């Protein structure tokens, strides 16, 4: 995997997620992806490499960090609830897409039902 593929895979998945928007509240060096004003993914290259920062449940995050050297605690985020994916991880496209979807759904689940753009219990489960 080329370094730029990591962010490309993640961005491609975001384009399929209802209600997802791109903002730059931290300046042009940070792409911040939100659903209903809540962050679920960030991109940056301020670390010297293109990284993707995603939300994860604490248990899943711990397991992923143990299994993959290229997954570390969230860069400048809560270390229990966020992960950083580094491009040297040789991640498959579907793996990256699934992590993006999970991050998105974790945020959607925390929204009031009336504000949810999808039902997190079934979204992404059919036809994938």
N, C-alpha and C. Protein backbone atom coordinates (compact mmCIF):
# COMPACT_ATOMS: atom_id res chain seq x y z
N UNK A 1 0.84 -1.18 0.00
CA UNK A 1 0.00 0.00 0.00
C UNK A 1 0.88 1.24 0.00
N UNK A 2 0.58 2.16 -0.88
CA UNK A 2 1.28 3.44 -0.89
C UNK A 2 0.73 4.28 0.26
N UNK A 3 1.54 5.18 0.78
CA UNK A 3 1.16 6.00 1.93
C UNK A 3 -0.15 6.74 1.68
N UNK A 4 -0.33 7.28 0.47
CA UNK A 4 -1.54 8.06 0.20
C UNK A 4 -2.79 7.19 0.09
N UNK A 5 -2.64 5.87 -0.11
CA UNK A 5 -3.79 4.99 -0.22
C UNK A 5 -4.62 4.96 1.06
N UNK A 6 -3.98 5.04 2.21
CA UNK A 6 -4.69 4.97 3.48
C UNK A 6 -5.78 6.03 3.54
N UNK A 7 -5.43 7.29 3.32
CA UNK A 7 -6.42 8.35 3.36
C UNK A 7 -7.40 8.24 2.20
N UNK A 8 -6.93 7.78 1.05
CA UNK A 8 -7.82 7.61 -0.10
C UNK A 8 -8.90 6.57 0.19
N UNK A 9 -8.51 5.44 0.77
CA UNK A 9 -9.49 4.40 1.13
C UNK A 9 -10.51 4.95 2.13
N UNK A 10 -10.03 5.67 3.14
CA UNK A 10 -10.92 6.21 4.16
C UNK A 10 -11.86 7.26 3.57
N UNK A 11 -11.32 8.15 2.73
CA UNK A 11 -12.14 9.21 2.12
C UNK A 11 -13.21 8.59 1.21
N UNK A 12 -12.84 7.55 0.49
CA UNK A 12 -13.81 6.88 -0.38
C UNK A 12 -14.99 6.34 0.40
N UNK A 13 -14.74 5.80 1.57
CA UNK A 13 -15.83 5.27 2.40
C UNK A 13 -16.69 6.41 2.95
N UNK A 14 -16.07 7.50 3.35
CA UNK A 14 -16.83 8.63 3.91
C UNK A 14 -17.85 9.15 2.89
N UNK A 15 -17.47 9.14 1.63
CA UNK A 15 -18.37 9.64 0.59
C UNK A 15 -19.66 8.84 0.51
N UNK A 16 -19.67 7.63 1.06
CA UNK A 16 -20.85 6.77 1.06
C UNK A 16 -21.67 6.87 2.35
N UNK A 17 -21.21 7.66 3.30
CA UNK A 17 -21.88 7.71 4.61
C UNK A 17 -22.86 8.89 4.68
N UNK A 18 -24.14 8.61 4.89
CA UNK A 18 -25.14 9.68 4.95
C UNK A 18 -24.85 10.69 6.06
N UNK A 19 -24.93 11.97 5.72
CA UNK A 19 -24.76 13.03 6.69
C UNK A 19 -23.33 13.39 7.02
N UNK A 20 -22.36 12.71 6.41
CA UNK A 20 -20.95 13.00 6.69
C UNK A 20 -20.52 14.26 5.95
N UNK A 21 -19.82 15.13 6.67
CA UNK A 21 -19.33 16.38 6.08
C UNK A 21 -17.87 16.59 6.45
N UNK A 22 -17.17 17.32 5.58
CA UNK A 22 -15.77 17.66 5.79
C UNK A 22 -15.68 19.11 6.23
N UNK A 23 -14.93 19.37 7.30
CA UNK A 23 -14.71 20.73 7.79
C UNK A 23 -13.23 20.90 8.11
N UNK A 24 -12.84 22.15 8.34
CA UNK A 24 -11.45 22.46 8.69
C UNK A 24 -11.38 23.39 9.92
N UNK A 25 -11.95 22.96 11.06
CA UNK A 25 -11.97 23.83 12.24
C UNK A 25 -10.59 24.06 12.86
N UNK A 26 -9.62 23.19 12.55
CA UNK A 26 -8.27 23.31 13.12
C UNK A 26 -7.27 23.84 12.11
N UNK A 27 -7.76 24.38 11.02
CA UNK A 27 -6.89 24.92 9.98
C UNK A 27 -6.75 23.96 8.81
N UNK A 28 -6.04 24.40 7.77
CA UNK A 28 -5.96 23.63 6.53
C UNK A 28 -5.16 22.33 6.63
N UNK A 29 -4.41 22.14 7.69
CA UNK A 29 -3.61 20.92 7.84
C UNK A 29 -4.40 19.74 8.39
N UNK A 30 -5.64 19.99 8.78
CA UNK A 30 -6.47 18.94 9.36
C UNK A 30 -7.80 18.85 8.60
N UNK A 31 -8.09 17.67 8.02
CA UNK A 31 -9.42 17.39 7.47
C UNK A 31 -10.21 16.72 8.58
N UNK A 32 -11.33 17.32 8.94
CA UNK A 32 -12.15 16.81 10.04
C UNK A 32 -13.50 16.39 9.47
N UNK A 33 -13.83 15.12 9.66
CA UNK A 33 -15.07 14.57 9.14
C UNK A 33 -16.06 14.42 10.30
N UNK A 34 -17.27 14.95 10.08
CA UNK A 34 -18.28 14.97 11.13
C UNK A 34 -19.60 14.41 10.61
N UNK A 35 -20.41 13.95 11.55
CA UNK A 35 -21.79 13.62 11.29
C UNK A 35 -22.60 14.35 12.35
N UNK A 36 -23.51 15.20 11.91
CA UNK A 36 -24.34 16.02 12.82
C UNK A 36 -23.48 16.76 13.85
N UNK A 37 -22.42 17.40 13.38
CA UNK A 37 -21.51 18.22 14.19
C UNK A 37 -20.65 17.44 15.17
N UNK A 38 -20.58 16.12 15.04
CA UNK A 38 -19.74 15.30 15.91
C UNK A 38 -18.64 14.64 15.07
N UNK A 39 -17.41 14.77 15.53
CA UNK A 39 -16.25 14.25 14.80
C UNK A 39 -16.22 12.72 14.87
N UNK A 40 -15.96 12.09 13.70
CA UNK A 40 -15.74 10.64 13.69
C UNK A 40 -14.43 10.26 13.00
N UNK A 41 -13.79 11.22 12.28
CA UNK A 41 -12.52 10.90 11.63
C UNK A 41 -11.75 12.18 11.34
N UNK A 42 -10.43 12.07 11.42
CA UNK A 42 -9.54 13.19 11.09
C UNK A 42 -8.41 12.69 10.20
N UNK A 43 -7.96 13.56 9.30
CA UNK A 43 -6.77 13.31 8.47
C UNK A 43 -5.78 14.42 8.74
N UNK A 44 -4.51 14.09 8.72
CA UNK A 44 -3.48 15.10 8.76
C UNK A 44 -2.17 14.50 8.27
N UNK A 45 -1.24 15.37 7.96
CA UNK A 45 0.13 14.95 7.64
C UNK A 45 1.11 15.74 8.50
N UNK A 46 0.63 16.37 9.58
CA UNK A 46 1.51 17.17 10.44
C UNK A 46 2.56 16.30 11.14
N UNK A 47 2.34 15.00 11.19
CA UNK A 47 3.29 14.07 11.81
C UNK A 47 4.40 13.67 10.85
N UNK A 48 4.32 14.13 9.61
CA UNK A 48 5.31 13.76 8.61
C UNK A 48 4.87 12.61 7.72
N UNK A 49 3.71 12.06 7.99
CA UNK A 49 3.14 10.99 7.18
C UNK A 49 1.62 11.18 7.17
N UNK A 50 0.94 10.69 6.12
CA UNK A 50 -0.52 10.81 6.10
C UNK A 50 -1.14 9.81 7.07
N UNK A 51 -1.81 10.32 8.11
CA UNK A 51 -2.45 9.44 9.09
C UNK A 51 -3.95 9.64 9.07
N UNK A 52 -4.65 8.64 9.59
CA UNK A 52 -6.10 8.68 9.76
C UNK A 52 -6.37 8.43 11.24
N UNK A 53 -7.17 9.29 11.85
CA UNK A 53 -7.53 9.15 13.26
C UNK A 53 -9.02 8.82 13.32
N UNK A 54 -9.36 7.71 14.00
CA UNK A 54 -10.73 7.21 14.05
C UNK A 54 -11.17 6.91 15.47
N UNK A 55 -12.46 7.01 15.70
CA UNK A 55 -13.05 6.64 16.97
C UNK A 55 -13.17 5.11 17.03
N UNK A 56 -13.01 4.54 18.22
CA UNK A 56 -13.16 3.09 18.42
C UNK A 56 -13.62 2.84 19.85
N UNK A 57 -14.30 1.74 20.07
CA UNK A 57 -14.65 1.38 21.44
C UNK A 57 -13.34 1.05 22.16
N UNK A 58 -13.26 1.29 23.46
CA UNK A 58 -12.01 1.01 24.18
C UNK A 58 -11.51 -0.43 24.00
N UNK A 59 -12.42 -1.40 24.06
CA UNK A 59 -12.00 -2.80 23.91
C UNK A 59 -11.49 -3.09 22.51
N UNK A 60 -12.22 -2.61 21.49
CA UNK A 60 -11.77 -2.82 20.11
C UNK A 60 -10.45 -2.11 19.86
N UNK A 61 -10.33 -0.90 20.37
CA UNK A 61 -9.10 -0.14 20.18
C UNK A 61 -7.90 -0.84 20.77
N UNK A 62 -8.06 -1.37 21.97
CA UNK A 62 -6.96 -2.08 22.62
C UNK A 62 -6.56 -3.31 21.81
N UNK A 63 -7.53 -4.06 21.35
CA UNK A 63 -7.27 -5.25 20.56
C UNK A 63 -6.58 -4.91 19.24
N UNK A 64 -7.06 -3.88 18.56
CA UNK A 64 -6.46 -3.47 17.29
C UNK A 64 -5.01 -3.01 17.47
N UNK A 65 -4.76 -2.27 18.55
CA UNK A 65 -3.38 -1.81 18.81
C UNK A 65 -2.45 -2.99 19.11
N UNK A 66 -2.98 -4.02 19.77
CA UNK A 66 -2.17 -5.21 20.06
C UNK A 66 -1.87 -5.99 18.79
N UNK A 67 -2.80 -6.01 17.86
CA UNK A 67 -2.66 -6.82 16.65
C UNK A 67 -1.88 -6.14 15.53
N UNK A 68 -1.81 -4.81 15.54
CA UNK A 68 -1.22 -4.07 14.43
C UNK A 68 -0.25 -3.00 14.94
N UNK A 69 1.02 -3.12 14.59
CA UNK A 69 2.00 -2.12 14.97
C UNK A 69 1.67 -0.74 14.42
N UNK A 70 1.01 -0.71 13.26
CA UNK A 70 0.70 0.55 12.59
C UNK A 70 -0.59 1.20 13.09
N UNK A 71 -1.16 0.67 14.17
CA UNK A 71 -2.31 1.31 14.83
C UNK A 71 -1.84 1.70 16.22
N UNK A 72 -1.91 2.99 16.49
CA UNK A 72 -1.47 3.54 17.77
C UNK A 72 -2.61 4.34 18.40
N UNK A 73 -2.47 4.75 19.67
CA UNK A 73 -3.51 5.59 20.27
C UNK A 73 -3.75 6.87 19.45
N UNK A 74 -4.95 7.41 19.54
CA UNK A 74 -5.33 8.58 18.76
C UNK A 74 -4.41 9.77 18.95
N UNK A 75 -3.90 10.28 17.85
CA UNK A 75 -3.01 11.44 17.86
C UNK A 75 -3.77 12.67 18.31
N UNK A 76 -3.36 13.27 19.41
CA UNK A 76 -4.00 14.45 20.02
C UNK A 76 -5.47 14.23 20.37
N UNK A 77 -5.83 12.97 20.67
CA UNK A 77 -7.22 12.65 21.03
C UNK A 77 -7.19 11.79 22.29
N UNK A 78 -8.37 11.49 22.83
CA UNK A 78 -8.48 10.60 23.97
C UNK A 78 -7.93 9.24 23.58
N UNK A 79 -6.92 8.79 24.27
CA UNK A 79 -6.19 7.57 23.90
C UNK A 79 -7.01 6.29 24.05
N UNK A 80 -8.06 6.31 24.86
CA UNK A 80 -8.91 5.13 25.04
C UNK A 80 -9.96 5.01 23.93
N UNK A 81 -10.36 6.12 23.37
CA UNK A 81 -11.49 6.12 22.44
C UNK A 81 -11.12 6.42 20.99
N UNK A 82 -9.84 6.66 20.73
CA UNK A 82 -9.42 7.02 19.37
C UNK A 82 -8.18 6.25 18.97
N UNK A 83 -8.07 5.95 17.68
CA UNK A 83 -6.94 5.24 17.09
C UNK A 83 -6.29 6.08 16.01
N UNK A 84 -5.01 5.87 15.80
CA UNK A 84 -4.33 6.44 14.65
C UNK A 84 -3.86 5.31 13.77
N UNK A 85 -4.21 5.38 12.48
CA UNK A 85 -3.73 4.43 11.50
C UNK A 85 -2.57 5.07 10.75
N UNK A 86 -1.46 4.34 10.68
CA UNK A 86 -0.27 4.81 9.98
C UNK A 86 -0.17 4.07 8.65
N UNK A 87 0.35 4.71 7.62
CA UNK A 87 0.35 4.10 6.29
C UNK A 87 1.26 2.90 6.12
N UNK A 88 2.14 2.63 7.06
CA UNK A 88 3.04 1.49 6.93
C UNK A 88 2.40 0.18 7.37
N UNK A 89 1.09 0.19 7.61
CA UNK A 89 0.41 -0.98 8.13
C UNK A 89 -0.02 -2.00 7.10
N UNK A 90 0.16 -1.70 5.80
CA UNK A 90 -0.25 -2.65 4.76
C UNK A 90 -1.71 -3.06 4.93
N UNK A 91 -2.55 -2.11 5.30
CA UNK A 91 -3.96 -2.39 5.51
C UNK A 91 -4.68 -2.60 4.18
N UNK A 92 -5.57 -3.57 4.15
CA UNK A 92 -6.41 -3.79 2.99
C UNK A 92 -7.51 -2.73 2.96
N UNK A 93 -7.99 -2.42 1.77
CA UNK A 93 -9.02 -1.40 1.60
C UNK A 93 -10.26 -1.70 2.45
N UNK A 94 -10.75 -2.93 2.43
CA UNK A 94 -11.96 -3.28 3.18
C UNK A 94 -11.76 -3.10 4.68
N UNK A 95 -10.56 -3.40 5.19
CA UNK A 95 -10.26 -3.20 6.61
C UNK A 95 -10.38 -1.73 6.99
N UNK A 96 -9.79 -0.85 6.18
CA UNK A 96 -9.86 0.60 6.43
C UNK A 96 -11.31 1.06 6.35
N UNK A 97 -12.03 0.62 5.33
CA UNK A 97 -13.44 1.01 5.18
C UNK A 97 -14.27 0.57 6.38
N UNK A 98 -14.02 -0.64 6.87
CA UNK A 98 -14.77 -1.13 8.04
C UNK A 98 -14.46 -0.31 9.29
N UNK A 99 -13.21 0.08 9.48
CA UNK A 99 -12.87 0.92 10.64
C UNK A 99 -13.52 2.29 10.54
N UNK A 100 -13.58 2.86 9.34
CA UNK A 100 -14.25 4.15 9.14
C UNK A 100 -15.74 4.01 9.45
N UNK A 101 -16.35 2.96 8.95
CA UNK A 101 -17.78 2.73 9.19
C UNK A 101 -18.06 2.57 10.68
N UNK A 102 -17.23 1.80 11.37
CA UNK A 102 -17.41 1.60 12.80
C UNK A 102 -17.29 2.91 13.57
N UNK A 103 -16.32 3.73 13.20
CA UNK A 103 -16.15 5.03 13.84
C UNK A 103 -17.40 5.89 13.65
N UNK A 104 -17.87 5.94 12.43
CA UNK A 104 -19.09 6.69 12.08
C UNK A 104 -20.28 6.20 12.92
N UNK A 105 -20.46 4.87 12.96
CA UNK A 105 -21.60 4.32 13.70
C UNK A 105 -21.51 4.56 15.20
N UNK A 106 -20.31 4.55 15.75
CA UNK A 106 -20.16 4.87 17.18
C UNK A 106 -20.67 6.28 17.48
N UNK A 107 -20.40 7.20 16.58
CA UNK A 107 -20.87 8.58 16.77
C UNK A 107 -22.38 8.65 16.54
N UNK A 108 -22.86 8.01 15.50
CA UNK A 108 -24.30 8.03 15.20
C UNK A 108 -25.09 7.44 16.37
N UNK A 109 -24.59 6.37 16.98
CA UNK A 109 -25.27 5.75 18.12
C UNK A 109 -25.44 6.71 19.29
N UNK A 110 -24.53 7.66 19.42
CA UNK A 110 -24.58 8.60 20.54
C UNK A 110 -25.54 9.76 20.28
N UNK A 111 -26.04 9.87 19.06
CA UNK A 111 -26.95 10.96 18.72
C UNK A 111 -28.37 10.63 19.15
N UNK A 112 -29.18 11.65 19.43
CA UNK A 112 -30.60 11.39 19.67
C UNK A 112 -31.21 10.73 18.43
N UNK A 113 -32.12 9.81 18.62
CA UNK A 113 -32.71 9.06 17.50
C UNK A 113 -33.19 9.97 16.36
N UNK A 114 -33.79 11.08 16.70
CA UNK A 114 -34.34 11.98 15.68
C UNK A 114 -33.25 12.61 14.80
N UNK A 115 -32.03 12.66 15.30
CA UNK A 115 -30.93 13.27 14.53
C UNK A 115 -30.07 12.27 13.77
N UNK A 116 -30.32 10.99 13.97
CA UNK A 116 -29.50 9.97 13.33
C UNK A 116 -29.81 9.89 11.83
N UNK A 117 -28.78 10.00 10.97
CA UNK A 117 -29.01 9.89 9.53
C UNK A 117 -29.25 8.45 9.08
N UNK A 118 -28.87 7.48 9.91
CA UNK A 118 -29.08 6.06 9.62
C UNK A 118 -29.39 5.34 10.93
N UNK A 119 -29.93 4.13 10.81
CA UNK A 119 -30.13 3.29 11.98
C UNK A 119 -28.84 2.50 12.19
N UNK A 120 -28.09 2.78 13.25
CA UNK A 120 -26.80 2.12 13.45
C UNK A 120 -26.90 0.61 13.66
N UNK A 121 -28.07 0.12 14.00
CA UNK A 121 -28.23 -1.31 14.23
C UNK A 121 -28.21 -2.10 12.91
N UNK A 122 -28.55 -1.46 11.80
CA UNK A 122 -28.61 -2.18 10.53
C UNK A 122 -27.72 -1.59 9.44
N UNK A 123 -27.30 -0.36 9.57
CA UNK A 123 -26.50 0.27 8.51
C UNK A 123 -25.19 -0.47 8.29
N UNK A 124 -24.89 -0.76 7.04
CA UNK A 124 -23.64 -1.41 6.70
C UNK A 124 -23.63 -2.91 6.93
N UNK A 125 -24.70 -3.45 7.48
CA UNK A 125 -24.74 -4.88 7.79
C UNK A 125 -25.29 -5.69 6.60
N UNK A 126 -26.06 -5.03 5.72
CA UNK A 126 -26.70 -5.73 4.61
C UNK A 126 -25.92 -5.44 3.34
N UNK A 127 -25.60 -6.49 2.61
CA UNK A 127 -24.96 -6.32 1.31
C UNK A 127 -23.49 -6.00 1.36
N UNK A 128 -22.85 -6.16 2.47
CA UNK A 128 -21.42 -5.84 2.60
C UNK A 128 -20.63 -7.10 2.75
